[in-house]
Structures are given as C-alpha cells and as structure tokens.
C-alpha cells in the first residue's frame, strides 16, 4: 500500500453494460477504483470481498468503480454476475484507463478523494483492509440519534 497525491486521470469510454462513462462524473466524494480482469486469479479471490465491502459501505457515501482490463465483454459480464458485483465497471479492453492510473498489474485498488488519488493498494486485498483505508480518508457519518 502506498500513499500518493495525483489526480484521477481523464478518461471517457463505456461501462460493461455499454453505457457511457466519463471520469468527470466521478470526481467528487470518496471513490474506490478496483482494476481487475476476469482472467486474473487474485482478482477472482478478492471479488467477493469487494462486493461485500461495497454493499456494507453503501450508506457511507463511498462509491465503487471497477476497471476491467484486457478482457472480453462477455467474460467480464459473467464475472460480475458470478460474484454479484453491485457497482459499475469500465470496459478497458485496451488498458488505456489503467495506463493513466499507472497500473502495473491487476488487481490494483485506488482510493480517491475529490478527484485525487490518495492511496494505492497493489495486489489482492480484503474487506477489512479496504474498509480501514476508506475510513482513513472518509470517516463514516455519525450514528443517528435514536430519539
């Protein structure tokens, strides 16, 4: 894991569902970006952790985004379905977005705060690590008063 302070790169493309994607729409708030491939064994092992963490953090204003690299759309869509991934993924078959992020190999996870990459986790990760790092840059909202 390493700290950084660089902007989220500009990128326009499509999501796995073929809808348009532009990083300009993802520059505010807290964002977790996970670069993966359906062919990547560590990505397969961490997918359930990412899905669980995304579901558990849904109320904490943390958005998740996948970046599927060097893959084919049907295999990637099957991967997302198999692991019940609850967030969108960019289809980056040529690896252009991943190159802008400076990905060496998947899986790589980026924690972004207001358009600035704050932390990079290279390699496979798990739910507790992701939650810990996210809460360092974006603490959870205060508990609601039961009254």
N, C-alpha and C. Protein backbone atom coordinates (compact mmCIF):
# COMPACT_ATOMS: atom_id res chain seq x y z
N UNK A 1 0.87 -1.17 0.00
CA UNK A 1 0.00 0.00 0.00
C UNK A 1 0.91 1.23 0.00
N UNK A 2 0.53 2.20 -0.80
CA UNK A 2 1.33 3.41 -0.84
C UNK A 2 0.43 4.64 -0.92
N UNK A 3 0.95 5.73 -0.39
CA UNK A 3 0.22 7.00 -0.44
C UNK A 3 0.66 7.76 -1.68
N UNK A 4 -0.23 8.55 -2.19
CA UNK A 4 0.06 9.34 -3.38
C UNK A 4 -0.80 10.59 -3.33
N UNK A 5 -0.60 11.47 -4.25
CA UNK A 5 -1.37 12.71 -4.31
C UNK A 5 -1.44 13.17 -5.75
N UNK A 6 -2.06 12.38 -6.61
CA UNK A 6 -2.15 12.73 -8.02
C UNK A 6 -3.60 12.67 -8.46
N UNK A 7 -3.92 13.42 -9.53
CA UNK A 7 -5.32 13.46 -9.97
C UNK A 7 -5.76 12.16 -10.63
N UNK A 8 -7.04 11.86 -10.48
CA UNK A 8 -7.65 10.77 -11.22
C UNK A 8 -7.55 11.15 -12.70
N UNK A 9 -7.02 10.27 -13.56
CA UNK A 9 -6.84 10.66 -14.97
C UNK A 9 -8.18 10.85 -15.69
N UNK A 10 -8.15 11.71 -16.69
CA UNK A 10 -9.32 11.89 -17.55
C UNK A 10 -9.49 10.65 -18.41
N UNK A 11 -10.72 10.17 -18.51
CA UNK A 11 -10.99 9.01 -19.35
C UNK A 11 -12.46 9.00 -19.72
N UNK A 12 -12.73 8.77 -21.00
CA UNK A 12 -14.09 8.58 -21.48
C UNK A 12 -14.13 7.22 -22.19
N UNK A 13 -15.18 6.46 -21.92
CA UNK A 13 -15.33 5.16 -22.55
C UNK A 13 -16.71 4.61 -22.28
N UNK A 14 -16.79 3.28 -22.12
CA UNK A 14 -18.07 2.66 -21.83
C UNK A 14 -17.93 1.74 -20.63
N UNK A 15 -19.06 1.53 -19.98
CA UNK A 15 -19.14 0.55 -18.90
C UNK A 15 -19.42 -0.81 -19.52
N UNK A 16 -19.34 -1.86 -18.72
CA UNK A 16 -19.63 -3.20 -19.22
C UNK A 16 -21.03 -3.31 -19.79
N UNK A 17 -21.97 -2.51 -19.28
CA UNK A 17 -23.34 -2.56 -19.81
C UNK A 17 -23.50 -1.71 -21.08
N UNK A 18 -22.40 -1.19 -21.60
CA UNK A 18 -22.29 -0.36 -22.81
C UNK A 18 -22.75 1.09 -22.63
N UNK A 19 -23.12 1.50 -21.43
CA UNK A 19 -23.47 2.91 -21.22
C UNK A 19 -22.17 3.74 -21.16
N UNK A 20 -22.33 5.03 -21.43
CA UNK A 20 -21.18 5.94 -21.49
C UNK A 20 -20.57 6.15 -20.10
N UNK A 21 -19.27 6.37 -20.10
CA UNK A 21 -18.53 6.63 -18.86
C UNK A 21 -17.60 7.81 -19.09
N UNK A 22 -17.50 8.68 -18.07
CA UNK A 22 -16.57 9.81 -18.10
C UNK A 22 -16.13 10.07 -16.66
N UNK A 23 -14.82 10.10 -16.45
CA UNK A 23 -14.33 10.32 -15.09
C UNK A 23 -14.79 11.67 -14.52
N UNK A 24 -15.15 12.61 -15.37
CA UNK A 24 -15.62 13.91 -14.88
C UNK A 24 -16.81 13.76 -13.94
N UNK A 25 -17.60 12.71 -14.13
CA UNK A 25 -18.79 12.48 -13.29
C UNK A 25 -18.45 11.76 -11.99
N UNK A 26 -17.19 11.41 -11.79
CA UNK A 26 -16.77 10.63 -10.62
C UNK A 26 -15.73 11.36 -9.77
N UNK A 27 -15.60 12.65 -9.91
CA UNK A 27 -14.53 13.39 -9.25
C UNK A 27 -14.87 13.96 -7.88
N UNK A 28 -16.09 13.79 -7.41
CA UNK A 28 -16.43 14.33 -6.09
C UNK A 28 -16.66 13.19 -5.10
N UNK A 29 -16.34 13.46 -3.85
CA UNK A 29 -16.57 12.48 -2.80
C UNK A 29 -15.49 11.41 -2.76
N UNK A 30 -15.82 10.31 -2.10
CA UNK A 30 -14.88 9.21 -1.92
C UNK A 30 -15.20 8.11 -2.92
N UNK A 31 -14.17 7.65 -3.60
CA UNK A 31 -14.31 6.66 -4.65
C UNK A 31 -13.25 5.58 -4.48
N UNK A 32 -13.67 4.33 -4.57
CA UNK A 32 -12.74 3.21 -4.62
C UNK A 32 -12.75 2.69 -6.05
N UNK A 33 -11.59 2.63 -6.68
CA UNK A 33 -11.45 2.13 -8.04
C UNK A 33 -10.63 0.85 -7.98
N UNK A 34 -11.22 -0.24 -8.47
CA UNK A 34 -10.53 -1.53 -8.47
C UNK A 34 -10.30 -1.97 -9.91
N UNK A 35 -9.03 -2.18 -10.26
CA UNK A 35 -8.67 -2.64 -11.60
C UNK A 35 -8.55 -4.15 -11.55
N UNK A 36 -9.27 -4.82 -12.46
CA UNK A 36 -9.37 -6.28 -12.41
C UNK A 36 -9.50 -6.86 -13.81
N UNK A 37 -9.43 -8.17 -13.89
CA UNK A 37 -9.69 -8.90 -15.12
C UNK A 37 -10.32 -10.23 -14.75
N UNK A 38 -11.21 -10.71 -15.57
CA UNK A 38 -11.88 -11.99 -15.27
C UNK A 38 -10.91 -13.16 -15.34
N UNK A 39 -9.79 -12.98 -15.97
CA UNK A 39 -8.75 -13.99 -16.16
C UNK A 39 -7.71 -13.98 -15.04
N UNK A 40 -7.82 -13.06 -14.11
CA UNK A 40 -6.81 -12.80 -13.06
C UNK A 40 -7.17 -13.56 -11.78
N UNK A 41 -6.35 -14.55 -11.39
CA UNK A 41 -6.65 -15.38 -10.20
C UNK A 41 -6.78 -14.55 -8.92
N UNK A 42 -5.88 -13.60 -8.62
CA UNK A 42 -6.07 -12.79 -7.41
C UNK A 42 -7.35 -11.94 -7.47
N UNK A 43 -7.73 -11.51 -8.67
CA UNK A 43 -8.97 -10.73 -8.83
C UNK A 43 -10.18 -11.59 -8.49
N UNK A 44 -10.12 -12.84 -8.88
CA UNK A 44 -11.21 -13.78 -8.59
C UNK A 44 -11.33 -13.97 -7.08
N UNK A 45 -10.19 -14.09 -6.39
CA UNK A 45 -10.23 -14.30 -4.94
C UNK A 45 -10.73 -13.06 -4.20
N UNK A 46 -10.41 -11.86 -4.69
CA UNK A 46 -10.81 -10.66 -3.96
C UNK A 46 -12.21 -10.16 -4.33
N UNK A 47 -12.78 -10.64 -5.42
CA UNK A 47 -14.10 -10.16 -5.88
C UNK A 47 -15.18 -10.25 -4.80
N UNK A 48 -15.30 -11.39 -4.08
CA UNK A 48 -16.33 -11.44 -3.04
C UNK A 48 -16.11 -10.40 -1.93
N UNK A 49 -14.84 -10.11 -1.61
CA UNK A 49 -14.53 -9.11 -0.58
C UNK A 49 -14.95 -7.72 -1.05
N UNK A 50 -14.67 -7.41 -2.31
CA UNK A 50 -15.06 -6.10 -2.83
C UNK A 50 -16.57 -5.94 -2.87
N UNK A 51 -17.27 -6.98 -3.30
CA UNK A 51 -18.74 -6.92 -3.34
C UNK A 51 -19.30 -6.72 -1.94
N UNK A 52 -18.78 -7.48 -0.97
CA UNK A 52 -19.24 -7.36 0.41
C UNK A 52 -18.97 -5.96 0.96
N UNK A 53 -17.79 -5.43 0.70
CA UNK A 53 -17.44 -4.10 1.21
C UNK A 53 -18.29 -3.03 0.54
N UNK A 54 -18.51 -3.13 -0.74
CA UNK A 54 -19.36 -2.15 -1.43
C UNK A 54 -20.77 -2.15 -0.85
N UNK A 55 -21.30 -3.34 -0.60
CA UNK A 55 -22.65 -3.43 -0.01
C UNK A 55 -22.67 -2.88 1.40
N UNK A 56 -21.66 -3.17 2.19
CA UNK A 56 -21.65 -2.72 3.59
C UNK A 56 -21.40 -1.21 3.71
N UNK A 57 -20.77 -0.61 2.70
CA UNK A 57 -20.47 0.82 2.76
C UNK A 57 -21.46 1.66 1.95
N UNK A 58 -22.52 1.07 1.49
CA UNK A 58 -23.49 1.77 0.64
C UNK A 58 -24.07 3.01 1.33
N UNK A 59 -24.22 2.96 2.62
CA UNK A 59 -24.80 4.09 3.37
C UNK A 59 -23.76 5.13 3.76
N UNK A 60 -22.50 4.91 3.44
CA UNK A 60 -21.42 5.80 3.88
C UNK A 60 -20.93 6.75 2.80
N UNK A 61 -21.68 6.89 1.72
CA UNK A 61 -21.32 7.80 0.64
C UNK A 61 -19.96 7.48 0.03
N UNK A 62 -19.64 6.21 -0.09
CA UNK A 62 -18.44 5.76 -0.76
C UNK A 62 -18.89 5.05 -2.04
N UNK A 63 -18.43 5.55 -3.18
CA UNK A 63 -18.78 4.92 -4.45
C UNK A 63 -17.67 3.97 -4.86
N UNK A 64 -18.05 2.90 -5.52
CA UNK A 64 -17.10 1.91 -6.03
C UNK A 64 -17.19 1.89 -7.55
N UNK A 65 -16.05 1.67 -8.18
CA UNK A 65 -15.97 1.58 -9.63
C UNK A 65 -14.95 0.51 -9.99
N UNK A 66 -15.32 -0.40 -10.85
CA UNK A 66 -14.37 -1.38 -11.37
C UNK A 66 -13.80 -0.91 -12.69
N UNK A 67 -12.60 -1.38 -13.00
CA UNK A 67 -11.99 -1.14 -14.30
C UNK A 67 -11.52 -2.50 -14.81
N UNK A 68 -12.25 -3.05 -15.76
CA UNK A 68 -11.94 -4.36 -16.32
C UNK A 68 -10.94 -4.18 -17.46
N UNK A 69 -9.76 -4.78 -17.32
CA UNK A 69 -8.72 -4.58 -18.33
C UNK A 69 -8.41 -5.84 -19.11
N UNK A 70 -8.04 -5.60 -20.37
CA UNK A 70 -7.54 -6.66 -21.26
C UNK A 70 -8.40 -7.91 -21.21
N UNK A 71 -9.67 -7.71 -21.43
CA UNK A 71 -10.67 -8.76 -21.25
C UNK A 71 -11.63 -8.72 -22.44
N UNK A 72 -12.59 -9.63 -22.44
CA UNK A 72 -13.68 -9.51 -23.40
C UNK A 72 -14.97 -9.29 -22.61
N UNK A 73 -15.85 -8.54 -23.22
CA UNK A 73 -17.06 -8.10 -22.51
C UNK A 73 -17.89 -9.26 -21.95
N UNK A 74 -18.17 -10.33 -22.71
CA UNK A 74 -18.98 -11.42 -22.15
C UNK A 74 -18.33 -12.08 -20.92
N UNK A 75 -17.03 -12.31 -20.96
CA UNK A 75 -16.35 -12.92 -19.81
C UNK A 75 -16.41 -12.00 -18.60
N UNK A 76 -16.23 -10.71 -18.83
CA UNK A 76 -16.28 -9.73 -17.73
C UNK A 76 -17.69 -9.63 -17.15
N UNK A 77 -18.70 -9.64 -18.01
CA UNK A 77 -20.08 -9.58 -17.53
C UNK A 77 -20.43 -10.83 -16.71
N UNK A 78 -19.96 -11.98 -17.15
CA UNK A 78 -20.19 -13.22 -16.39
C UNK A 78 -19.49 -13.17 -15.04
N UNK A 79 -18.29 -12.61 -15.00
CA UNK A 79 -17.54 -12.44 -13.75
C UNK A 79 -18.36 -11.60 -12.78
N UNK A 80 -18.85 -10.44 -13.24
CA UNK A 80 -19.63 -9.56 -12.36
C UNK A 80 -20.90 -10.24 -11.86
N UNK A 81 -21.53 -11.01 -12.73
CA UNK A 81 -22.74 -11.73 -12.32
C UNK A 81 -22.42 -12.82 -11.31
N UNK A 82 -21.37 -13.59 -11.57
CA UNK A 82 -20.99 -14.70 -10.69
C UNK A 82 -20.69 -14.21 -9.27
N UNK A 83 -20.04 -13.05 -9.14
CA UNK A 83 -19.65 -12.54 -7.83
C UNK A 83 -20.58 -11.45 -7.31
N UNK A 84 -21.70 -11.24 -7.97
CA UNK A 84 -22.72 -10.26 -7.56
C UNK A 84 -22.11 -8.89 -7.28
N UNK A 85 -21.32 -8.43 -8.23
CA UNK A 85 -20.66 -7.12 -8.09
C UNK A 85 -21.74 -6.04 -8.19
N UNK A 86 -21.90 -5.23 -7.12
CA UNK A 86 -23.01 -4.27 -7.09
C UNK A 86 -22.70 -2.88 -7.68
N UNK A 87 -21.53 -2.72 -8.26
CA UNK A 87 -21.12 -1.41 -8.77
C UNK A 87 -20.72 -1.55 -10.25
N UNK A 88 -20.69 -0.43 -10.98
CA UNK A 88 -20.36 -0.50 -12.40
C UNK A 88 -18.87 -0.73 -12.63
N UNK A 89 -18.56 -1.24 -13.81
CA UNK A 89 -17.17 -1.40 -14.22
C UNK A 89 -16.97 -0.82 -15.61
N UNK A 90 -15.87 -0.09 -15.76
CA UNK A 90 -15.45 0.42 -17.05
C UNK A 90 -14.89 -0.76 -17.85
N UNK A 91 -15.24 -0.83 -19.13
CA UNK A 91 -14.67 -1.84 -20.02
C UNK A 91 -13.44 -1.22 -20.67
N UNK A 92 -12.26 -1.59 -20.19
CA UNK A 92 -10.98 -1.00 -20.61
C UNK A 92 -10.14 -2.08 -21.30
N UNK A 93 -10.69 -2.63 -22.38
CA UNK A 93 -10.03 -3.76 -23.04
C UNK A 93 -8.63 -3.43 -23.55
N UNK A 94 -8.38 -2.19 -23.94
CA UNK A 94 -7.05 -1.81 -24.42
C UNK A 94 -6.12 -1.39 -23.27
N UNK A 95 -6.68 -1.18 -22.08
CA UNK A 95 -5.86 -0.79 -20.93
C UNK A 95 -5.50 0.68 -20.86
N UNK A 96 -6.23 1.54 -21.58
CA UNK A 96 -5.91 2.97 -21.60
C UNK A 96 -6.16 3.65 -20.25
N UNK A 97 -7.31 3.37 -19.63
CA UNK A 97 -7.60 3.97 -18.33
C UNK A 97 -6.62 3.44 -17.28
N UNK A 98 -6.36 2.13 -17.32
CA UNK A 98 -5.41 1.53 -16.38
C UNK A 98 -4.02 2.15 -16.54
N UNK A 99 -3.61 2.43 -17.78
CA UNK A 99 -2.31 3.07 -18.01
C UNK A 99 -2.28 4.47 -17.39
N UNK A 100 -3.39 5.20 -17.53
CA UNK A 100 -3.47 6.53 -16.93
C UNK A 100 -3.41 6.48 -15.41
N UNK A 101 -3.92 5.39 -14.84
CA UNK A 101 -3.86 5.19 -13.39
C UNK A 101 -2.48 4.70 -12.94
N UNK A 102 -1.65 4.30 -13.90
CA UNK A 102 -0.31 3.75 -13.66
C UNK A 102 -0.36 2.36 -13.03
N UNK A 103 -1.26 1.54 -13.54
CA UNK A 103 -1.40 0.17 -13.07
C UNK A 103 -0.26 -0.67 -13.63
N UNK A 104 0.40 -1.41 -12.74
CA UNK A 104 1.45 -2.33 -13.17
C UNK A 104 0.82 -3.69 -13.51
N UNK A 105 -0.07 -4.15 -12.65
CA UNK A 105 -0.76 -5.42 -12.87
C UNK A 105 -2.01 -5.44 -12.00
N UNK A 106 -3.04 -6.16 -12.43
CA UNK A 106 -4.22 -6.30 -11.58
C UNK A 106 -3.99 -7.40 -10.55
N UNK A 107 -4.70 -7.40 -9.47
CA UNK A 107 -5.61 -6.32 -9.07
C UNK A 107 -4.84 -5.17 -8.43
N UNK A 108 -5.32 -3.99 -8.69
CA UNK A 108 -4.81 -2.78 -8.05
C UNK A 108 -6.02 -1.95 -7.66
N UNK A 109 -5.99 -1.42 -6.45
CA UNK A 109 -7.13 -0.67 -5.92
C UNK A 109 -6.67 0.73 -5.54
N UNK A 110 -7.46 1.71 -5.94
CA UNK A 110 -7.15 3.12 -5.69
C UNK A 110 -8.23 3.73 -4.82
N UNK A 111 -7.83 4.48 -3.82
CA UNK A 111 -8.76 5.26 -3.02
C UNK A 111 -8.62 6.71 -3.46
N UNK A 112 -9.73 7.28 -3.91
CA UNK A 112 -9.74 8.62 -4.49
C UNK A 112 -10.64 9.50 -3.65
N UNK A 113 -10.15 10.68 -3.31
CA UNK A 113 -10.94 11.65 -2.55
C UNK A 113 -11.02 12.92 -3.37
N UNK A 114 -12.24 13.31 -3.75
CA UNK A 114 -12.48 14.52 -4.54
C UNK A 114 -11.56 14.64 -5.75
N UNK A 115 -11.42 13.54 -6.49
CA UNK A 115 -10.66 13.55 -7.73
C UNK A 115 -9.16 13.37 -7.59
N UNK A 116 -8.68 13.16 -6.35
CA UNK A 116 -7.25 12.97 -6.12
C UNK A 116 -7.00 11.57 -5.57
N UNK A 117 -6.12 10.84 -6.23
CA UNK A 117 -5.75 9.50 -5.76
C UNK A 117 -4.94 9.67 -4.48
N UNK A 118 -5.43 9.08 -3.39
CA UNK A 118 -4.77 9.22 -2.09
C UNK A 118 -3.98 7.98 -1.68
N UNK A 119 -4.50 6.80 -2.03
CA UNK A 119 -3.87 5.55 -1.62
C UNK A 119 -3.97 4.54 -2.75
N UNK A 120 -2.91 3.75 -2.91
CA UNK A 120 -2.89 2.68 -3.90
C UNK A 120 -2.58 1.37 -3.18
N UNK A 121 -3.41 0.36 -3.41
CA UNK A 121 -3.18 -0.98 -2.87
C UNK A 121 -2.85 -1.87 -4.07
N UNK A 122 -1.59 -2.30 -4.15
CA UNK A 122 -1.17 -3.16 -5.25
C UNK A 122 -1.31 -4.61 -4.82
N UNK A 123 -2.01 -5.38 -5.62
CA UNK A 123 -2.21 -6.79 -5.31
C UNK A 123 -3.55 -7.02 -4.64
N UNK A 124 -3.77 -8.27 -4.34
CA UNK A 124 -5.03 -8.72 -3.74
C UNK A 124 -5.25 -8.07 -2.38
N UNK A 125 -6.49 -7.72 -2.10
CA UNK A 125 -6.84 -7.12 -0.82
C UNK A 125 -8.09 -7.79 -0.27
N UNK A 126 -8.52 -7.36 0.92
CA UNK A 126 -9.70 -7.96 1.55
C UNK A 126 -10.59 -6.87 2.14
N UNK A 127 -11.73 -7.28 2.64
CA UNK A 127 -12.74 -6.34 3.15
C UNK A 127 -12.22 -5.45 4.27
N UNK A 128 -11.52 -6.02 5.23
CA UNK A 128 -11.08 -5.22 6.38
C UNK A 128 -10.04 -4.18 5.97
N UNK A 129 -9.14 -4.52 5.06
CA UNK A 129 -8.14 -3.56 4.59
C UNK A 129 -8.81 -2.43 3.84
N UNK A 130 -9.73 -2.77 2.95
CA UNK A 130 -10.44 -1.74 2.18
C UNK A 130 -11.20 -0.82 3.12
N UNK A 131 -11.95 -1.38 4.04
CA UNK A 131 -12.74 -0.56 4.98
C UNK A 131 -11.84 0.35 5.80
N UNK A 132 -10.72 -0.17 6.26
CA UNK A 132 -9.79 0.63 7.06
C UNK A 132 -9.23 1.81 6.26
N UNK A 133 -8.80 1.56 5.05
CA UNK A 133 -8.23 2.61 4.22
C UNK A 133 -9.29 3.63 3.83
N UNK A 134 -10.48 3.18 3.48
CA UNK A 134 -11.56 4.10 3.13
C UNK A 134 -11.88 5.00 4.31
N UNK A 135 -11.95 4.43 5.49
CA UNK A 135 -12.31 5.23 6.67
C UNK A 135 -11.19 6.20 7.07
N UNK A 136 -9.96 5.93 6.66
CA UNK A 136 -8.88 6.88 6.93
C UNK A 136 -9.08 8.17 6.13
N UNK A 137 -9.56 8.04 4.89
CA UNK A 137 -9.74 9.25 4.09
C UNK A 137 -11.17 9.78 4.13
N UNK A 138 -12.10 8.95 4.56
CA UNK A 138 -13.50 9.36 4.62
C UNK A 138 -14.18 8.68 5.81
N UNK A 139 -14.10 9.28 6.99
CA UNK A 139 -14.72 8.65 8.16
C UNK A 139 -16.22 8.44 7.95
N UNK A 140 -16.78 7.38 8.58
CA UNK A 140 -18.22 7.13 8.44
C UNK A 140 -19.03 8.27 9.05
N UNK A 141 -20.25 8.47 8.56
CA UNK A 141 -21.09 9.51 9.14
C UNK A 141 -21.42 9.17 10.59
N UNK A 142 -21.70 10.19 11.40
CA UNK A 142 -22.04 9.91 12.80
C UNK A 142 -23.32 9.08 12.90
N UNK A 143 -23.39 8.29 13.95
CA UNK A 143 -24.58 7.46 14.18
C UNK A 143 -25.79 8.37 14.39
N UNK A 144 -26.93 7.91 13.90
CA UNK A 144 -28.17 8.68 14.07
C UNK A 144 -28.64 8.60 15.51
N UNK A 145 -29.15 9.70 16.01
CA UNK A 145 -29.69 9.75 17.35
C UNK A 145 -30.98 8.92 17.39
N UNK A 146 -31.07 7.92 18.28
CA UNK A 146 -32.25 7.06 18.31
C UNK A 146 -33.53 7.78 18.73
N UNK A 147 -33.43 8.99 19.21
CA UNK A 147 -34.63 9.71 19.67
C UNK A 147 -35.31 10.39 18.56
